[in-house]
Amino acid sequence: EYDIKKIDKKYFDESKRLLPNKNYIGFSLTQGNIYRKKEWPINKVIKLSEELIKNNKIPVFLIEKKYQELKNKIKNSIPSALFPEDETSLNSPALVTCLGARLDLAITIDNGIMHMLSLSKVPIISLFGPTNPEKFAPQYKKSIVLDSKKLYKSKDVSDITVEDVLQASKQLLN
């Protein structure tokens, strides 16, 4: 168990400045390990975001600055989307963890950001395909794993549907 209160106050202050309100849903889409296909399709992310916006949720994307093309695609499709890491000079896993504490829910593939967010114990939906959720998924009460291997007998995370994620989000947001 990690106590996020050990994180320097400047990261909490900055996360509150970047996400001052409520109703934020965080997304982490990019994978560090390029050798296993773990990305959930951007068209599904956009469709899911549109559904969440209908319920007064604000999509927040935790995407490194180097993925400008992906961010532009999201911004063009979801004008209300926020990219907090683009609005700060701080660049740290500690900031990502503190941003997680500002979210109502996080939706993420199996990646490093998933682990940073889980330190904040944010309600989280983790999407798994080729990797093993028993080994890598966050293990706490408000954590739901959607594993394409169990749902669809497939190692392709893309098989997980928008409806699957919406149903899981309803469980965590209620």
N, C-alpha and C. Protein backbone atom coordinates (compact mmCIF):
# COMPACT_ATOMS: atom_id res chain seq x y z
N GLU A 1 0.84 -1.19 0.00
CA GLU A 1 0.00 0.00 0.00
C GLU A 1 0.87 1.24 0.00
N TYR A 2 0.64 2.10 -0.98
CA TYR A 2 1.40 3.34 -1.08
C TYR A 2 0.55 4.49 -0.54
N ASP A 3 1.13 5.33 0.29
CA ASP A 3 0.43 6.48 0.85
C ASP A 3 0.76 7.71 -0.02
N ILE A 4 -0.23 8.14 -0.83
CA ILE A 4 0.05 9.26 -1.74
C ILE A 4 0.27 10.57 -0.98
N LYS A 5 -0.04 10.60 0.29
CA LYS A 5 0.21 11.82 1.08
C LYS A 5 1.71 12.11 1.19
N LYS A 6 2.52 11.14 0.84
CA LYS A 6 3.98 11.33 0.85
C LYS A 6 4.46 12.14 -0.36
N ILE A 7 3.59 12.31 -1.35
CA ILE A 7 3.95 13.09 -2.54
C ILE A 7 4.03 14.57 -2.18
N ASP A 8 5.01 15.24 -2.75
CA ASP A 8 5.21 16.67 -2.52
C ASP A 8 3.93 17.45 -2.82
N LYS A 9 3.59 18.39 -1.95
CA LYS A 9 2.37 19.19 -2.06
C LYS A 9 2.26 19.92 -3.40
N LYS A 10 3.38 20.27 -4.02
CA LYS A 10 3.32 21.01 -5.28
C LYS A 10 2.57 20.23 -6.36
N TYR A 11 2.65 18.89 -6.32
CA TYR A 11 1.95 18.07 -7.32
C TYR A 11 0.44 18.05 -7.07
N PHE A 12 0.05 18.04 -5.80
CA PHE A 12 -1.38 18.13 -5.47
C PHE A 12 -1.93 19.50 -5.88
N ASP A 13 -1.17 20.55 -5.56
CA ASP A 13 -1.60 21.91 -5.92
C ASP A 13 -1.73 22.06 -7.43
N GLU A 14 -0.76 21.52 -8.15
CA GLU A 14 -0.80 21.63 -9.61
C GLU A 14 -1.95 20.81 -10.20
N SER A 15 -2.21 19.64 -9.66
CA SER A 15 -3.31 18.83 -10.18
C SER A 15 -4.65 19.52 -9.91
N LYS A 16 -4.76 20.21 -8.79
CA LYS A 16 -6.01 20.94 -8.50
C LYS A 16 -6.14 22.15 -9.43
N ARG A 17 -5.04 22.79 -9.76
CA ARG A 17 -5.08 23.91 -10.71
C ARG A 17 -5.49 23.40 -12.09
N LEU A 18 -4.95 22.26 -12.50
CA LEU A 18 -5.22 21.72 -13.82
C LEU A 18 -6.64 21.14 -13.95
N LEU A 19 -7.12 20.55 -12.87
CA LEU A 19 -8.47 19.95 -12.86
C LEU A 19 -9.21 20.47 -11.62
N PRO A 20 -9.70 21.73 -11.69
CA PRO A 20 -10.25 22.37 -10.49
C PRO A 20 -11.67 21.92 -10.10
N ASN A 21 -12.36 21.27 -10.99
CA ASN A 21 -13.77 20.97 -10.75
C ASN A 21 -14.00 19.48 -10.49
N LYS A 22 -15.18 19.01 -10.82
CA LYS A 22 -15.57 17.61 -10.66
C LYS A 22 -15.99 17.06 -12.02
N ASN A 23 -16.40 15.79 -12.02
CA ASN A 23 -16.96 15.13 -13.21
C ASN A 23 -15.92 14.82 -14.28
N TYR A 24 -14.69 14.59 -13.88
CA TYR A 24 -13.64 14.24 -14.84
C TYR A 24 -13.53 12.73 -14.99
N ILE A 25 -13.41 12.28 -16.23
CA ILE A 25 -13.13 10.88 -16.54
C ILE A 25 -11.79 10.85 -17.26
N GLY A 26 -10.83 10.17 -16.68
CA GLY A 26 -9.49 10.11 -17.26
C GLY A 26 -9.32 8.94 -18.21
N PHE A 27 -8.52 9.17 -19.25
CA PHE A 27 -8.21 8.14 -20.24
C PHE A 27 -6.70 8.03 -20.40
N SER A 28 -6.21 6.80 -20.44
CA SER A 28 -4.83 6.54 -20.81
C SER A 28 -4.85 5.51 -21.94
N LEU A 29 -4.29 5.89 -23.08
CA LEU A 29 -4.46 5.11 -24.30
C LEU A 29 -3.18 4.56 -24.90
N THR A 30 -2.05 5.10 -24.51
CA THR A 30 -0.82 4.77 -25.22
C THR A 30 -0.02 3.71 -24.45
N GLN A 31 0.67 2.88 -25.19
CA GLN A 31 1.44 1.81 -24.58
C GLN A 31 2.93 2.09 -24.72
N GLY A 32 3.66 1.70 -23.70
CA GLY A 32 5.11 1.84 -23.76
C GLY A 32 5.74 0.69 -24.52
N ASN A 33 5.26 -0.52 -24.27
CA ASN A 33 5.80 -1.72 -24.91
C ASN A 33 5.14 -1.90 -26.27
N ILE A 34 5.88 -1.66 -27.33
CA ILE A 34 5.31 -1.73 -28.68
C ILE A 34 5.21 -3.16 -29.21
N TYR A 35 5.71 -4.12 -28.44
CA TYR A 35 5.77 -5.49 -28.95
C TYR A 35 4.48 -6.26 -28.73
N ARG A 36 3.61 -5.79 -27.85
CA ARG A 36 2.31 -6.43 -27.64
C ARG A 36 1.24 -5.41 -27.98
N LYS A 37 0.29 -5.80 -28.79
CA LYS A 37 -0.79 -4.89 -29.20
C LYS A 37 -1.76 -4.73 -28.04
N LYS A 38 -1.72 -3.56 -27.39
CA LYS A 38 -2.55 -3.33 -26.22
C LYS A 38 -3.45 -2.11 -26.37
N GLU A 39 -3.40 -1.45 -27.50
CA GLU A 39 -4.16 -0.22 -27.64
C GLU A 39 -5.62 -0.50 -27.97
N TRP A 40 -6.49 0.28 -27.32
CA TRP A 40 -7.92 0.23 -27.62
C TRP A 40 -8.16 1.26 -28.73
N PRO A 41 -8.92 0.92 -29.76
CA PRO A 41 -9.05 1.80 -30.93
C PRO A 41 -9.57 3.21 -30.59
N ILE A 42 -8.99 4.19 -31.22
CA ILE A 42 -9.35 5.59 -30.96
C ILE A 42 -10.82 5.87 -31.28
N ASN A 43 -11.38 5.20 -32.30
CA ASN A 43 -12.79 5.43 -32.61
C ASN A 43 -13.67 4.98 -31.44
N LYS A 44 -13.28 3.93 -30.71
CA LYS A 44 -14.04 3.49 -29.54
C LYS A 44 -13.88 4.48 -28.39
N VAL A 45 -12.69 5.02 -28.23
CA VAL A 45 -12.44 6.02 -27.19
C VAL A 45 -13.32 7.25 -27.45
N ILE A 46 -13.39 7.67 -28.70
CA ILE A 46 -14.19 8.85 -29.06
C ILE A 46 -15.68 8.57 -28.81
N LYS A 47 -16.14 7.42 -29.24
CA LYS A 47 -17.55 7.07 -29.02
C LYS A 47 -17.88 7.01 -27.53
N LEU A 48 -17.00 6.39 -26.75
CA LEU A 48 -17.19 6.31 -25.29
C LEU A 48 -17.21 7.72 -24.69
N SER A 49 -16.29 8.56 -25.10
CA SER A 49 -16.24 9.94 -24.60
C SER A 49 -17.54 10.67 -24.90
N GLU A 50 -18.06 10.51 -26.10
CA GLU A 50 -19.31 11.17 -26.48
C GLU A 50 -20.45 10.72 -25.56
N GLU A 51 -20.49 9.44 -25.23
CA GLU A 51 -21.53 8.93 -24.32
C GLU A 51 -21.36 9.52 -22.92
N LEU A 52 -20.13 9.61 -22.44
CA LEU A 52 -19.88 10.15 -21.11
C LEU A 52 -20.19 11.65 -21.04
N ILE A 53 -19.90 12.37 -22.12
CA ILE A 53 -20.21 13.81 -22.18
C ILE A 53 -21.72 14.03 -22.03
N LYS A 54 -22.52 13.13 -22.60
CA LYS A 54 -23.98 13.24 -22.46
C LYS A 54 -24.41 13.20 -21.00
N ASN A 55 -23.57 12.60 -20.15
CA ASN A 55 -23.84 12.52 -18.72
C ASN A 55 -23.01 13.54 -17.93
N ASN A 56 -22.68 14.64 -18.60
CA ASN A 56 -21.97 15.76 -17.97
C ASN A 56 -20.58 15.41 -17.44
N LYS A 57 -19.94 14.44 -18.07
CA LYS A 57 -18.57 14.09 -17.71
C LYS A 57 -17.61 14.79 -18.66
N ILE A 58 -16.43 15.11 -18.15
CA ILE A 58 -15.41 15.81 -18.94
C ILE A 58 -14.26 14.84 -19.20
N PRO A 59 -13.99 14.51 -20.47
CA PRO A 59 -12.88 13.59 -20.77
C PRO A 59 -11.52 14.28 -20.56
N VAL A 60 -10.67 13.59 -19.83
CA VAL A 60 -9.32 14.06 -19.54
C VAL A 60 -8.36 13.01 -20.08
N PHE A 61 -7.45 13.44 -20.95
CA PHE A 61 -6.52 12.51 -21.57
C PHE A 61 -5.12 12.68 -21.00
N LEU A 62 -4.60 11.59 -20.48
CA LEU A 62 -3.25 11.58 -19.93
C LEU A 62 -2.35 10.96 -20.99
N ILE A 63 -1.81 11.84 -21.82
CA ILE A 63 -1.02 11.43 -22.99
C ILE A 63 0.23 12.29 -23.03
N GLU A 64 1.36 11.63 -23.17
CA GLU A 64 2.63 12.35 -23.24
C GLU A 64 2.62 13.39 -24.36
N LYS A 65 3.38 14.44 -24.16
CA LYS A 65 3.43 15.55 -25.12
C LYS A 65 3.88 15.10 -26.51
N LYS A 66 4.66 14.02 -26.60
CA LYS A 66 5.19 13.59 -27.90
C LYS A 66 4.13 13.01 -28.84
N TYR A 67 2.95 12.70 -28.33
CA TYR A 67 1.89 12.10 -29.16
C TYR A 67 0.95 13.18 -29.72
N GLN A 68 1.51 14.17 -30.37
CA GLN A 68 0.74 15.32 -30.84
C GLN A 68 -0.31 14.95 -31.88
N GLU A 69 0.01 14.04 -32.78
CA GLU A 69 -0.94 13.64 -33.82
C GLU A 69 -2.19 13.00 -33.20
N LEU A 70 -1.99 12.13 -32.22
CA LEU A 70 -3.11 11.50 -31.52
C LEU A 70 -3.94 12.55 -30.79
N LYS A 71 -3.27 13.47 -30.13
CA LYS A 71 -3.99 14.53 -29.39
C LYS A 71 -4.79 15.40 -30.34
N ASN A 72 -4.24 15.71 -31.49
CA ASN A 72 -4.97 16.53 -32.47
C ASN A 72 -6.23 15.80 -32.94
N LYS A 73 -6.11 14.51 -33.17
CA LYS A 73 -7.27 13.72 -33.59
C LYS A 73 -8.36 13.75 -32.52
N ILE A 74 -7.95 13.60 -31.27
CA ILE A 74 -8.92 13.63 -30.16
C ILE A 74 -9.54 15.02 -30.05
N LYS A 75 -8.72 16.07 -30.09
CA LYS A 75 -9.23 17.45 -29.98
C LYS A 75 -10.23 17.77 -31.08
N ASN A 76 -9.97 17.28 -32.29
CA ASN A 76 -10.88 17.53 -33.41
C ASN A 76 -12.21 16.81 -33.22
N SER A 77 -12.19 15.65 -32.57
CA SER A 77 -13.41 14.87 -32.37
C SER A 77 -14.13 15.20 -31.07
N ILE A 78 -13.37 15.62 -30.07
CA ILE A 78 -13.93 15.90 -28.74
C ILE A 78 -13.42 17.27 -28.29
N PRO A 79 -14.07 18.35 -28.72
CA PRO A 79 -13.58 19.69 -28.38
C PRO A 79 -13.48 19.98 -26.88
N SER A 80 -14.29 19.31 -26.06
CA SER A 80 -14.26 19.57 -24.62
C SER A 80 -13.16 18.78 -23.89
N ALA A 81 -12.42 17.94 -24.61
CA ALA A 81 -11.38 17.13 -23.98
C ALA A 81 -10.28 18.00 -23.38
N LEU A 82 -9.77 17.54 -22.25
CA LEU A 82 -8.68 18.24 -21.58
C LEU A 82 -7.41 17.39 -21.65
N PHE A 83 -6.28 18.09 -21.74
CA PHE A 83 -4.95 17.46 -21.76
C PHE A 83 -4.09 18.16 -20.71
N PRO A 84 -4.28 17.82 -19.44
CA PRO A 84 -3.64 18.60 -18.37
C PRO A 84 -2.13 18.65 -18.44
N GLU A 85 -1.50 17.59 -18.91
CA GLU A 85 -0.04 17.58 -18.94
C GLU A 85 0.52 18.58 -19.95
N ASP A 86 -0.31 19.05 -20.88
CA ASP A 86 0.12 20.08 -21.84
C ASP A 86 0.08 21.48 -21.22
N GLU A 87 -0.55 21.59 -20.05
CA GLU A 87 -0.77 22.90 -19.42
C GLU A 87 0.14 23.13 -18.21
N THR A 88 1.21 22.35 -18.11
CA THR A 88 2.09 22.46 -16.95
C THR A 88 3.54 22.21 -17.36
N SER A 89 4.43 22.75 -16.56
CA SER A 89 5.85 22.47 -16.77
C SER A 89 6.30 21.27 -15.94
N LEU A 90 5.45 20.84 -15.01
CA LEU A 90 5.79 19.66 -14.21
C LEU A 90 5.60 18.40 -15.06
N ASN A 91 6.52 17.49 -14.95
CA ASN A 91 6.46 16.24 -15.71
C ASN A 91 6.95 15.13 -14.78
N SER A 92 5.99 14.39 -14.21
CA SER A 92 6.38 13.42 -13.20
C SER A 92 5.29 12.38 -12.99
N PRO A 93 5.67 11.15 -12.68
CA PRO A 93 4.67 10.17 -12.27
C PRO A 93 3.86 10.65 -11.06
N ALA A 94 4.49 11.45 -10.20
CA ALA A 94 3.77 11.99 -9.03
C ALA A 94 2.61 12.88 -9.48
N LEU A 95 2.80 13.66 -10.53
CA LEU A 95 1.71 14.50 -11.03
C LEU A 95 0.58 13.64 -11.58
N VAL A 96 0.90 12.59 -12.33
CA VAL A 96 -0.12 11.70 -12.87
C VAL A 96 -0.93 11.06 -11.73
N THR A 97 -0.26 10.64 -10.68
CA THR A 97 -0.95 10.05 -9.53
C THR A 97 -1.87 11.08 -8.88
N CYS A 98 -1.41 12.30 -8.73
CA CYS A 98 -2.25 13.35 -8.13
C CYS A 98 -3.41 13.73 -9.05
N LEU A 99 -3.19 13.75 -10.36
CA LEU A 99 -4.29 13.96 -11.30
C LEU A 99 -5.33 12.85 -11.15
N GLY A 100 -4.87 11.62 -10.93
CA GLY A 100 -5.78 10.50 -10.71
C GLY A 100 -6.72 10.76 -9.54
N ALA A 101 -6.22 11.40 -8.51
CA ALA A 101 -7.05 11.70 -7.34
C ALA A 101 -8.13 12.73 -7.65
N ARG A 102 -8.02 13.45 -8.76
CA ARG A 102 -9.00 14.46 -9.15
C ARG A 102 -10.09 13.88 -10.05
N LEU A 103 -9.93 12.64 -10.48
CA LEU A 103 -10.85 12.01 -11.42
C LEU A 103 -11.98 11.28 -10.69
N ASP A 104 -13.15 11.23 -11.33
CA ASP A 104 -14.24 10.38 -10.84
C ASP A 104 -13.99 8.93 -11.25
N LEU A 105 -13.30 8.76 -12.37
CA LEU A 105 -13.08 7.44 -12.93
C LEU A 105 -11.91 7.53 -13.91
N ALA A 106 -11.13 6.46 -13.98
CA ALA A 106 -10.07 6.34 -14.99
C ALA A 106 -10.35 5.11 -15.84
N ILE A 107 -10.11 5.24 -17.14
CA ILE A 107 -10.26 4.15 -18.09
C ILE A 107 -8.91 4.04 -18.80
N THR A 108 -8.30 2.87 -18.73
CA THR A 108 -6.93 2.76 -19.19
C THR A 108 -6.64 1.37 -19.76
N ILE A 109 -5.71 1.35 -20.69
CA ILE A 109 -5.15 0.07 -21.11
C ILE A 109 -4.11 -0.34 -20.07
N ASP A 110 -3.57 -1.53 -20.21
CA ASP A 110 -2.50 -2.01 -19.35
C ASP A 110 -1.22 -1.28 -19.74
N ASN A 111 -0.85 -0.29 -18.93
CA ASN A 111 0.36 0.50 -19.21
C ASN A 111 0.89 1.11 -17.91
N GLY A 112 1.94 1.85 -18.01
CA GLY A 112 2.55 2.47 -16.83
C GLY A 112 1.63 3.47 -16.16
N ILE A 113 0.89 4.24 -16.95
CA ILE A 113 -0.01 5.23 -16.37
C ILE A 113 -1.09 4.54 -15.53
N MET A 114 -1.54 3.37 -15.96
CA MET A 114 -2.51 2.61 -15.16
C MET A 114 -1.97 2.42 -13.73
N HIS A 115 -0.70 2.09 -13.61
CA HIS A 115 -0.11 1.86 -12.30
C HIS A 115 0.01 3.16 -11.51
N MET A 116 0.36 4.25 -12.18
CA MET A 116 0.43 5.55 -11.50
C MET A 116 -0.95 5.96 -10.99
N LEU A 117 -1.96 5.81 -11.83
CA LEU A 117 -3.33 6.16 -11.43
C LEU A 117 -3.81 5.29 -10.28
N SER A 118 -3.46 4.02 -10.31
CA SER A 118 -3.94 3.12 -9.26
C SER A 118 -3.39 3.49 -7.88
N LEU A 119 -2.26 4.17 -7.83
CA LEU A 119 -1.73 4.61 -6.54
C LEU A 119 -2.68 5.58 -5.84
N SER A 120 -3.49 6.31 -6.63
CA SER A 120 -4.45 7.25 -6.04
C SER A 120 -5.74 6.56 -5.63
N LYS A 121 -5.88 5.28 -5.97
CA LYS A 121 -7.09 4.49 -5.69
C LYS A 121 -8.33 5.07 -6.37
N VAL A 122 -8.14 5.76 -7.49
CA VAL A 122 -9.25 6.25 -8.29
C VAL A 122 -10.06 5.04 -8.77
N PRO A 123 -11.38 5.12 -8.83
CA PRO A 123 -12.13 4.05 -9.49
C PRO A 123 -11.57 3.88 -10.91
N ILE A 124 -11.27 2.65 -11.28
CA ILE A 124 -10.52 2.43 -12.52
C ILE A 124 -11.05 1.22 -13.29
N ILE A 125 -11.11 1.38 -14.60
CA ILE A 125 -11.43 0.28 -15.51
C ILE A 125 -10.17 0.03 -16.33
N SER A 126 -9.65 -1.17 -16.23
CA SER A 126 -8.43 -1.53 -16.94
C SER A 126 -8.78 -2.50 -18.07
N LEU A 127 -8.34 -2.16 -19.27
CA LEU A 127 -8.61 -2.97 -20.46
C LEU A 127 -7.40 -3.85 -20.76
N PHE A 128 -7.63 -5.16 -20.78
CA PHE A 128 -6.55 -6.11 -21.01
C PHE A 128 -6.83 -6.95 -22.24
N GLY A 129 -5.77 -7.24 -22.97
CA GLY A 129 -5.84 -8.13 -24.13
C GLY A 129 -4.77 -9.19 -24.00
N PRO A 130 -3.57 -8.93 -24.54
CA PRO A 130 -2.54 -9.98 -24.56
C PRO A 130 -1.87 -10.22 -23.21
N THR A 131 -1.95 -9.27 -22.29
CA THR A 131 -1.23 -9.42 -21.02
C THR A 131 -2.14 -10.02 -19.95
N ASN A 132 -1.54 -10.41 -18.85
CA ASN A 132 -2.21 -11.14 -17.79
C ASN A 132 -2.71 -10.19 -16.69
N PRO A 133 -4.03 -10.01 -16.56
CA PRO A 133 -4.53 -9.10 -15.53
C PRO A 133 -4.27 -9.60 -14.11
N GLU A 134 -4.20 -10.92 -13.92
CA GLU A 134 -3.91 -11.43 -12.57
C GLU A 134 -2.54 -10.95 -12.10
N LYS A 135 -1.64 -10.75 -13.05
CA LYS A 135 -0.29 -10.30 -12.71
C LYS A 135 -0.17 -8.78 -12.67
N PHE A 136 -0.89 -8.07 -13.58
CA PHE A 136 -0.62 -6.65 -13.76
C PHE A 136 -1.75 -5.70 -13.33
N ALA A 137 -2.98 -6.18 -13.19
CA ALA A 137 -4.10 -5.27 -12.93
C ALA A 137 -4.07 -4.74 -11.50
N PRO A 138 -4.57 -3.51 -11.31
CA PRO A 138 -4.72 -2.97 -9.96
C PRO A 138 -5.66 -3.87 -9.15
N GLN A 139 -5.33 -4.04 -7.89
CA GLN A 139 -6.12 -4.91 -7.02
C GLN A 139 -6.68 -4.09 -5.86
N TYR A 140 -7.83 -3.47 -6.06
CA TYR A 140 -8.51 -2.80 -4.96
C TYR A 140 -9.99 -2.74 -5.28
N LYS A 141 -10.78 -2.31 -4.30
CA LYS A 141 -12.23 -2.44 -4.36
C LYS A 141 -12.85 -1.82 -5.62
N LYS A 142 -12.47 -0.62 -5.97
CA LYS A 142 -13.11 0.07 -7.10
C LYS A 142 -12.28 -0.07 -8.37
N SER A 143 -11.83 -1.29 -8.63
CA SER A 143 -11.06 -1.59 -9.83
C SER A 143 -11.77 -2.70 -10.59
N ILE A 144 -12.11 -2.43 -11.84
CA ILE A 144 -12.74 -3.42 -12.70
C ILE A 144 -11.81 -3.72 -13.86
N VAL A 145 -11.61 -5.01 -14.11
CA VAL A 145 -10.79 -5.45 -15.24
C VAL A 145 -11.72 -5.97 -16.32
N LEU A 146 -11.54 -5.47 -17.53
CA LEU A 146 -12.21 -6.02 -18.70
C LEU A 146 -11.12 -6.71 -19.52
N ASP A 147 -11.19 -8.02 -19.56
CA ASP A 147 -10.17 -8.83 -20.21
C ASP A 147 -10.77 -9.48 -21.45
N SER A 148 -10.25 -9.13 -22.61
CA SER A 148 -10.78 -9.69 -23.87
C SER A 148 -10.65 -11.21 -23.91
N LYS A 149 -9.67 -11.76 -23.19
CA LYS A 149 -9.51 -13.22 -23.17
C LYS A 149 -10.71 -13.88 -22.47
N LYS A 150 -11.19 -13.27 -21.39
CA LYS A 150 -12.34 -13.82 -20.67
C LYS A 150 -13.66 -13.47 -21.35
N LEU A 151 -13.75 -12.23 -21.84
CA LEU A 151 -15.01 -11.78 -22.46
C LEU A 151 -15.23 -12.39 -23.83
N TYR A 152 -14.16 -12.47 -24.63
CA TYR A 152 -14.31 -12.83 -26.05
C TYR A 152 -13.37 -13.94 -26.52
N LYS A 153 -12.66 -14.57 -25.58
CA LYS A 153 -11.70 -15.63 -25.92
C LYS A 153 -10.72 -15.16 -27.00
N SER A 154 -10.26 -13.93 -26.81
CA SER A 154 -9.36 -13.28 -27.78
C SER A 154 -8.30 -12.49 -27.03
N LYS A 155 -7.10 -12.46 -27.58
CA LYS A 155 -6.04 -11.64 -26.99
C LYS A 155 -6.06 -10.21 -27.52
N ASP A 156 -7.06 -9.89 -28.34
CA ASP A 156 -7.15 -8.56 -28.96
C ASP A 156 -8.02 -7.64 -28.11
N VAL A 157 -7.38 -6.70 -27.43
CA VAL A 157 -8.09 -5.75 -26.57
C VAL A 157 -9.15 -4.97 -27.35
N SER A 158 -8.98 -4.86 -28.66
CA SER A 158 -9.94 -4.15 -29.51
C SER A 158 -11.31 -4.82 -29.51
N ASP A 159 -11.37 -6.08 -29.12
CA ASP A 159 -12.66 -6.78 -29.08
C ASP A 159 -13.55 -6.28 -27.95
N ILE A 160 -12.98 -5.63 -26.95
CA ILE A 160 -13.78 -5.05 -25.87
C ILE A 160 -14.61 -3.92 -26.47
N THR A 161 -15.90 -3.91 -26.18
CA THR A 161 -16.81 -2.95 -26.80
C THR A 161 -16.99 -1.69 -25.94
N VAL A 162 -17.47 -0.66 -26.58
CA VAL A 162 -17.83 0.57 -25.87
C VAL A 162 -18.89 0.25 -24.82
N GLU A 163 -19.84 -0.59 -25.18
CA GLU A 163 -20.89 -0.97 -24.23
C GLU A 163 -20.33 -1.70 -23.01
N ASP A 164 -19.32 -2.54 -23.20
CA ASP A 164 -18.67 -3.22 -22.07
C ASP A 164 -18.13 -2.17 -21.09
N VAL A 165 -17.46 -1.16 -21.62
CA VAL A 165 -16.84 -0.13 -20.77
C VAL A 165 -17.92 0.75 -20.14
N LEU A 166 -18.96 1.07 -20.88
CA LEU A 166 -20.06 1.87 -20.31
C LEU A 166 -20.72 1.14 -19.14
N GLN A 167 -20.96 -0.16 -19.30
CA GLN A 167 -21.57 -0.93 -18.21
C GLN A 167 -20.68 -0.93 -16.97
N ALA A 168 -19.38 -1.13 -17.16
CA ALA A 168 -18.45 -1.10 -16.03
C ALA A 168 -18.40 0.28 -15.39
N SER A 169 -18.45 1.33 -16.23
CA SER A 169 -18.40 2.69 -15.67
C SER A 169 -19.63 2.99 -14.83
N LYS A 170 -20.78 2.47 -15.24
CA LYS A 170 -22.01 2.67 -14.46
C LYS A 170 -21.88 2.03 -13.08
N GLN A 171 -21.23 0.88 -13.03
CA GLN A 171 -21.02 0.22 -11.73
C GLN A 171 -20.16 1.08 -10.81
N LEU A 172 -19.12 1.68 -11.36
CA LEU A 172 -18.20 2.45 -10.53
C LEU A 172 -18.68 3.87 -10.22
N LEU A 173 -19.49 4.44 -11.10
CA LEU A 173 -19.96 5.81 -10.89
C LEU A 173 -21.22 5.89 -10.03
N ASN A 174 -21.88 4.76 -9.82
CA ASN A 174 -23.11 4.76 -8.99
C ASN A 174 -22.78 4.40 -7.56
